[in-house]
Amino acid sequence: MAAAPRFSLAEAERLLGPAVVETVRRQVDAAPPLRPEQREQVRAVFASARAMRPVRPAADAA
């Protein structure tokens, strides 16, 4: 089983393009900070996540 490709910020920025990246950065900068309970909810989601095996399409399994 092949490992999932690692996330690359540089590759994501290249795929999206400079205009999209700049728009997203402006939106993030303008957003209010997370409240403590929101931050805890996000932390809990990541803490409870489990790695899953890739699922093969049914056509490939036959």
PDB file of N, CA and C in Angstrom:
ATOM      1  N   MET A   1       0.853  -1.174   0.000  1.00  0.00           N
ATOM      2  CA  MET A   1       0.000   0.000   0.000  1.00  0.00           C
ATOM      3  C   MET A   1       0.897   1.233   0.000  1.00  0.00           C
ATOM      4  N   ALA A   2       0.636   2.137  -0.932  1.00  0.00           N
ATOM      5  CA  ALA A   2       1.441   3.359  -1.035  1.00  0.00           C
ATOM      6  C   ALA A   2       0.974   4.388  -0.006  1.00  0.00           C
ATOM      7  N   ALA A   3       1.929   5.100   0.525  1.00  0.00           N
ATOM      8  CA  ALA A   3       1.591   6.150   1.492  1.00  0.00           C
ATOM      9  C   ALA A   3       0.953   7.325   0.762  1.00  0.00           C
ATOM     10  N   ALA A   4       0.069   8.006   1.468  1.00  0.00           N
ATOM     11  CA  ALA A   4      -0.562   9.193   0.894  1.00  0.00           C
ATOM     12  C   ALA A   4       0.500  10.271   0.693  1.00  0.00           C
ATOM     13  N   PRO A   5       0.385  11.037  -0.385  1.00  0.00           N
ATOM     14  CA  PRO A   5       1.371  12.104  -0.589  1.00  0.00           C
ATOM     15  C   PRO A   5       1.278  13.142   0.517  1.00  0.00           C
ATOM     16  N   ARG A   6       2.427  13.662   0.899  1.00  0.00           N
ATOM     17  CA  ARG A   6       2.467  14.669   1.960  1.00  0.00           C
ATOM     18  C   ARG A   6       2.010  16.005   1.396  1.00  0.00           C
ATOM     19  N   PHE A   7       1.358  16.788   2.252  1.00  0.00           N
ATOM     20  CA  PHE A   7       0.889  18.107   1.847  1.00  0.00           C
ATOM     21  C   PHE A   7       2.074  19.032   1.635  1.00  0.00           C
ATOM     22  N   SER A   8       2.033  19.775   0.564  1.00  0.00           N
ATOM     23  CA  SER A   8       3.070  20.762   0.267  1.00  0.00           C
ATOM     24  C   SER A   8       2.408  22.125   0.087  1.00  0.00           C
ATOM     25  N   LEU A   9       2.698  23.045   0.991  1.00  0.00           N
ATOM     26  CA  LEU A   9       2.149  24.399   0.894  1.00  0.00           C
ATOM     27  C   LEU A   9       2.596  25.055  -0.404  1.00  0.00           C
ATOM     28  N   ALA A  10       3.850  24.889  -0.758  1.00  0.00           N
ATOM     29  CA  ALA A  10       4.363  25.495  -1.989  1.00  0.00           C
ATOM     30  C   ALA A  10       3.615  24.950  -3.206  1.00  0.00           C
ATOM     31  N   GLU A  11       3.352  23.660  -3.244  1.00  0.00           N
ATOM     32  CA  GLU A  11       2.629  23.062  -4.371  1.00  0.00           C
ATOM     33  C   GLU A  11       1.180  23.540  -4.401  1.00  0.00           C
ATOM     34  N   ALA A  12       0.545  23.644  -3.241  1.00  0.00           N
ATOM     35  CA  ALA A  12      -0.836  24.142  -3.180  1.00  0.00           C
ATOM     36  C   ALA A  12      -0.893  25.578  -3.680  1.00  0.00           C
ATOM     37  N   GLU A  13       0.050  26.402  -3.267  1.00  0.00           N
ATOM     38  CA  GLU A  13       0.077  27.795  -3.723  1.00  0.00           C
ATOM     39  C   GLU A  13       0.318  27.867  -5.228  1.00  0.00           C
ATOM     40  N   ARG A  14       1.150  26.985  -5.744  1.00  0.00           N
ATOM     41  CA  ARG A  14       1.416  26.963  -7.186  1.00  0.00           C
ATOM     42  C   ARG A  14       0.148  26.577  -7.950  1.00  0.00           C
ATOM     43  N   LEU A  15      -0.578  25.574  -7.449  1.00  0.00           N
ATOM     44  CA  LEU A  15      -1.799  25.129  -8.117  1.00  0.00           C
ATOM     45  C   LEU A  15      -2.906  26.178  -8.069  1.00  0.00           C
ATOM     46  N   LEU A  16      -3.040  26.859  -6.938  1.00  0.00           N
ATOM     47  CA  LEU A  16      -4.102  27.856  -6.777  1.00  0.00           C
ATOM     48  C   LEU A  16      -3.806  29.153  -7.511  1.00  0.00           C
ATOM     49  N   GLY A  17      -2.555  29.524  -7.537  1.00  0.00           N
ATOM     50  CA  GLY A  17      -2.165  30.766  -8.191  1.00  0.00           C
ATOM     51  C   GLY A  17      -2.070  31.913  -7.203  1.00  0.00           C
ATOM     52  N   PRO A  18      -1.283  32.918  -7.539  1.00  0.00           N
ATOM     53  CA  PRO A  18      -1.026  34.021  -6.611  1.00  0.00           C
ATOM     54  C   PRO A  18      -2.268  34.835  -6.249  1.00  0.00           C
ATOM     55  N   ALA A  19      -3.203  35.018  -7.179  1.00  0.00           N
ATOM     56  CA  ALA A  19      -4.395  35.823  -6.880  1.00  0.00           C
ATOM     57  C   ALA A  19      -5.257  35.138  -5.814  1.00  0.00           C
ATOM     58  N   VAL A  20      -5.453  33.842  -5.939  1.00  0.00           N
ATOM     59  CA  VAL A  20      -6.269  33.104  -4.963  1.00  0.00           C
ATOM     60  C   VAL A  20      -5.576  33.091  -3.608  1.00  0.00           C
ATOM     61  N   VAL A  21      -4.281  32.844  -3.608  1.00  0.00           N
ATOM     62  CA  VAL A  21      -3.529  32.799  -2.353  1.00  0.00           C
ATOM     63  C   VAL A  21      -3.609  34.147  -1.641  1.00  0.00           C
ATOM     64  N   GLU A  22      -3.478  35.231  -2.373  1.00  0.00           N
ATOM     65  CA  GLU A  22      -3.551  36.567  -1.760  1.00  0.00           C
ATOM     66  C   GLU A  22      -4.950  36.841  -1.217  1.00  0.00           C
ATOM     67  N   THR A  23      -5.984  36.436  -1.940  1.00  0.00           N
ATOM     68  CA  THR A  23      -7.358  36.617  -1.464  1.00  0.00           C
ATOM     69  C   THR A  23      -7.584  35.848  -0.164  1.00  0.00           C
ATOM     70  N   VAL A  24      -7.129  34.630  -0.115  1.00  0.00           N
ATOM     71  CA  VAL A  24      -7.288  33.814   1.095  1.00  0.00           C
ATOM     72  C   VAL A  24      -6.525  34.433   2.258  1.00  0.00           C
ATOM     73  N   ARG A  25      -5.319  34.897   2.014  1.00  0.00           N
ATOM     74  CA  ARG A  25      -4.531  35.518   3.093  1.00  0.00           C
ATOM     75  C   ARG A  25      -5.232  36.756   3.650  1.00  0.00           C
ATOM     76  N   ARG A  26      -5.819  37.567   2.763  1.00  0.00           N
ATOM     77  CA  ARG A  26      -6.545  38.759   3.226  1.00  0.00           C
ATOM     78  C   ARG A  26      -7.752  38.356   4.069  1.00  0.00           C
ATOM     79  N   GLN A  27      -8.478  37.330   3.645  1.00  0.00           N
ATOM     80  CA  GLN A  27      -9.648  36.871   4.395  1.00  0.00           C
ATOM     81  C   GLN A  27      -9.249  36.323   5.767  1.00  0.00           C
ATOM     82  N   VAL A  28      -8.172  35.578   5.824  1.00  0.00           N
ATOM     83  CA  VAL A  28      -7.697  35.039   7.101  1.00  0.00           C
ATOM     84  C   VAL A  28      -7.268  36.171   8.026  1.00  0.00           C
ATOM     85  N   ASP A  29      -6.550  37.140   7.486  1.00  0.00           N
ATOM     86  CA  ASP A  29      -6.102  38.277   8.309  1.00  0.00           C
ATOM     87  C   ASP A  29      -7.278  39.078   8.859  1.00  0.00           C
ATOM     88  N   ALA A  30      -8.376  39.163   8.096  1.00  0.00           N
ATOM     89  CA  ALA A  30      -9.540  39.943   8.515  1.00  0.00           C
ATOM     90  C   ALA A  30     -10.452  39.180   9.480  1.00  0.00           C
ATOM     91  N   ALA A  31     -10.309  37.876   9.555  1.00  0.00           N
ATOM     92  CA  ALA A  31     -11.198  37.064  10.396  1.00  0.00           C
ATOM     93  C   ALA A  31     -10.887  37.284  11.877  1.00  0.00           C
ATOM     94  N   PRO A  32     -11.923  37.262  12.718  1.00  0.00           N
ATOM     95  CA  PRO A  32     -11.672  37.389  14.159  1.00  0.00           C
ATOM     96  C   PRO A  32     -10.980  36.130  14.689  1.00  0.00           C
ATOM     97  N   PRO A  33     -10.244  36.248  15.779  1.00  0.00           N
ATOM     98  CA  PRO A  33      -9.591  35.060  16.349  1.00  0.00           C
ATOM     99  C   PRO A  33     -10.633  34.075  16.884  1.00  0.00           C
ATOM    100  N   LEU A  34     -10.233  32.817  16.929  1.00  0.00           N
ATOM    101  CA  LEU A  34     -11.131  31.799  17.482  1.00  0.00           C
ATOM    102  C   LEU A  34     -11.332  32.028  18.975  1.00  0.00           C
ATOM    103  N   ARG A  35     -12.558  31.799  19.427  1.00  0.00           N
ATOM    104  CA  ARG A  35     -12.825  31.831  20.864  1.00  0.00           C
ATOM    105  C   ARG A  35     -12.222  30.569  21.473  1.00  0.00           C
ATOM    106  N   PRO A  36     -11.931  30.571  22.773  1.00  0.00           N
ATOM    107  CA  PRO A  36     -11.311  29.397  23.400  1.00  0.00           C
ATOM    108  C   PRO A  36     -12.101  28.104  23.166  1.00  0.00           C
ATOM    109  N   GLU A  37     -13.442  28.165  23.221  1.00  0.00           N
ATOM    110  CA  GLU A  37     -14.221  26.935  23.014  1.00  0.00           C
ATOM    111  C   GLU A  37     -14.137  26.464  21.567  1.00  0.00           C
ATOM    112  N   GLN A  38     -14.013  27.376  20.612  1.00  0.00           N
ATOM    113  CA  GLN A  38     -13.841  26.976  19.215  1.00  0.00           C
ATOM    114  C   GLN A  38     -12.484  26.304  19.015  1.00  0.00           C
ATOM    115  N   ARG A  39     -11.470  26.894  19.622  1.00  0.00           N
ATOM    116  CA  ARG A  39     -10.131  26.321  19.528  1.00  0.00           C
ATOM    117  C   ARG A  39     -10.109  24.904  20.119  1.00  0.00           C
ATOM    118  N   GLU A  40     -10.803  24.694  21.236  1.00  0.00           N
ATOM    119  CA  GLU A  40     -10.864  23.377  21.864  1.00  0.00           C
ATOM    120  C   GLU A  40     -11.609  22.382  20.977  1.00  0.00           C
ATOM    121  N   GLN A  41     -12.665  22.834  20.308  1.00  0.00           N
ATOM    122  CA  GLN A  41     -13.398  21.937  19.408  1.00  0.00           C
ATOM    123  C   GLN A  41     -12.521  21.486  18.243  1.00  0.00           C
ATOM    124  N   VAL A  42     -11.773  22.392  17.665  1.00  0.00           N
ATOM    125  CA  VAL A  42     -10.868  22.036  16.570  1.00  0.00           C
ATOM    126  C   VAL A  42      -9.790  21.080  17.072  1.00  0.00           C
ATOM    127  N   ARG A  43      -9.223  21.377  18.244  1.00  0.00           N
ATOM    128  CA  ARG A  43      -8.200  20.499  18.810  1.00  0.00           C
ATOM    129  C   ARG A  43      -8.758  19.098  19.033  1.00  0.00           C
ATOM    130  N   ALA A  44      -9.998  19.009  19.542  1.00  0.00           N
ATOM    131  CA  ALA A  44     -10.615  17.717  19.821  1.00  0.00           C
ATOM    132  C   ALA A  44     -10.853  16.912  18.543  1.00  0.00           C
ATOM    133  N   VAL A  45     -11.221  17.591  17.469  1.00  0.00           N
ATOM    134  CA  VAL A  45     -11.426  16.886  16.194  1.00  0.00           C
ATOM    135  C   VAL A  45     -10.123  16.232  15.745  1.00  0.00           C
ATOM    136  N   PHE A  46      -9.033  16.974  15.791  1.00  0.00           N
ATOM    137  CA  PHE A  46      -7.761  16.407  15.360  1.00  0.00           C
ATOM    138  C   PHE A  46      -7.267  15.332  16.324  1.00  0.00           C
ATOM    139  N   ALA A  47      -7.513  15.510  17.608  1.00  0.00           N
ATOM    140  CA  ALA A  47      -7.074  14.519  18.592  1.00  0.00           C
ATOM    141  C   ALA A  47      -7.824  13.198  18.426  1.00  0.00           C
ATOM    142  N   SER A  48      -9.078  13.255  17.961  1.00  0.00           N
ATOM    143  CA  SER A  48      -9.872  12.037  17.839  1.00  0.00           C
ATOM    144  C   SER A  48      -9.783  11.399  16.456  1.00  0.00           C
ATOM    145  N   ALA A  49      -9.112  12.044  15.512  1.00  0.00           N
ATOM    146  CA  ALA A  49      -9.016  11.509  14.152  1.00  0.00           C
ATOM    147  C   ALA A  49      -8.179  10.237  14.140  1.00  0.00           C
ATOM    148  N   ARG A  50      -8.586   9.324  13.283  1.00  0.00           N
ATOM    149  CA  ARG A  50      -7.843   8.078  13.122  1.00  0.00           C
ATOM    150  C   ARG A  50      -7.478   7.924  11.650  1.00  0.00           C
ATOM    151  N   ALA A  51      -6.313   7.386  11.409  1.00  0.00           N
ATOM    152  CA  ALA A  51      -5.893   7.121  10.036  1.00  0.00           C
ATOM    153  C   ALA A  51      -6.734   5.976   9.481  1.00  0.00           C
ATOM    154  N   MET A  52      -7.091   6.100   8.227  1.00  0.00           N
ATOM    155  CA  MET A  52      -7.892   5.063   7.585  1.00  0.00           C
ATOM    156  C   MET A  52      -7.121   4.486   6.410  1.00  0.00           C
ATOM    157  N   ARG A  53      -7.372   3.218   6.159  1.00  0.00           N
ATOM    158  CA  ARG A  53      -6.798   2.609   4.967  1.00  0.00           C
ATOM    159  C   ARG A  53      -7.562   3.131   3.755  1.00  0.00           C
ATOM    160  N   PRO A  54      -6.878   3.329   2.632  1.00  0.00           N
ATOM    161  CA  PRO A  54      -7.590   3.731   1.426  1.00  0.00           C
ATOM    162  C   PRO A  54      -8.593   2.639   1.032  1.00  0.00           C
ATOM    163  N   VAL A  55      -9.743   3.036   0.556  1.00  0.00           N
ATOM    164  CA  VAL A  55     -10.768   2.089   0.136  1.00  0.00           C
ATOM    165  C   VAL A  55     -10.680   1.939  -1.372  1.00  0.00           C
ATOM    166  N   ARG A  56     -10.583   0.677  -1.832  1.00  0.00           N
ATOM    167  CA  ARG A  56     -10.543   0.430  -3.259  1.00  0.00           C
ATOM    168  C   ARG A  56     -11.946   0.476  -3.836  1.00  0.00           C
ATOM    169  N   PRO A  57     -12.124   1.074  -4.998  1.00  0.00           N
ATOM    170  CA  PRO A  57     -13.453   1.048  -5.633  1.00  0.00           C
ATOM    171  C   PRO A  57     -13.901  -0.386  -5.870  1.00  0.00           C
ATOM    172  N   ALA A  58     -15.204  -0.627  -5.825  1.00  0.00           N
ATOM    173  CA  ALA A  58     -15.741  -1.972  -5.984  1.00  0.00           C
ATOM    174  C   ALA A  58     -15.312  -2.602  -7.306  1.00  0.00           C
ATOM    175  N   ALA A  59     -15.206  -1.814  -8.349  1.00  0.00           N
ATOM    176  CA  ALA A  59     -14.806  -2.355  -9.654  1.00  0.00           C
ATOM    177  C   ALA A  59     -13.386  -2.922  -9.599  1.00  0.00           C
ATOM    178  N   ASP A  60     -12.514  -2.325  -8.801  1.00  0.00           N
ATOM    179  CA  ASP A  60     -11.132  -2.813  -8.681  1.00  0.00           C
ATOM    180  C   ASP A  60     -11.049  -4.035  -7.782  1.00  0.00           C
ATOM    181  N   ALA A  61     -11.969  -4.185  -6.850  1.00  0.00           N
ATOM    182  CA  ALA A  61     -11.927  -5.281  -5.880  1.00  0.00           C
ATOM    183  C   ALA A  61     -12.325  -6.603  -6.514  1.00  0.00           C
ATOM    184  N   ALA A  62     -13.076  -6.570  -7.590  1.00  0.00           N
ATOM    185  CA  ALA A  62     -13.557  -7.809  -8.229  1.00  0.00           C
ATOM    186  C   ALA A  62     -12.472  -8.527  -8.991  1.00  0.00           C
TER     187      ALA A  62
END
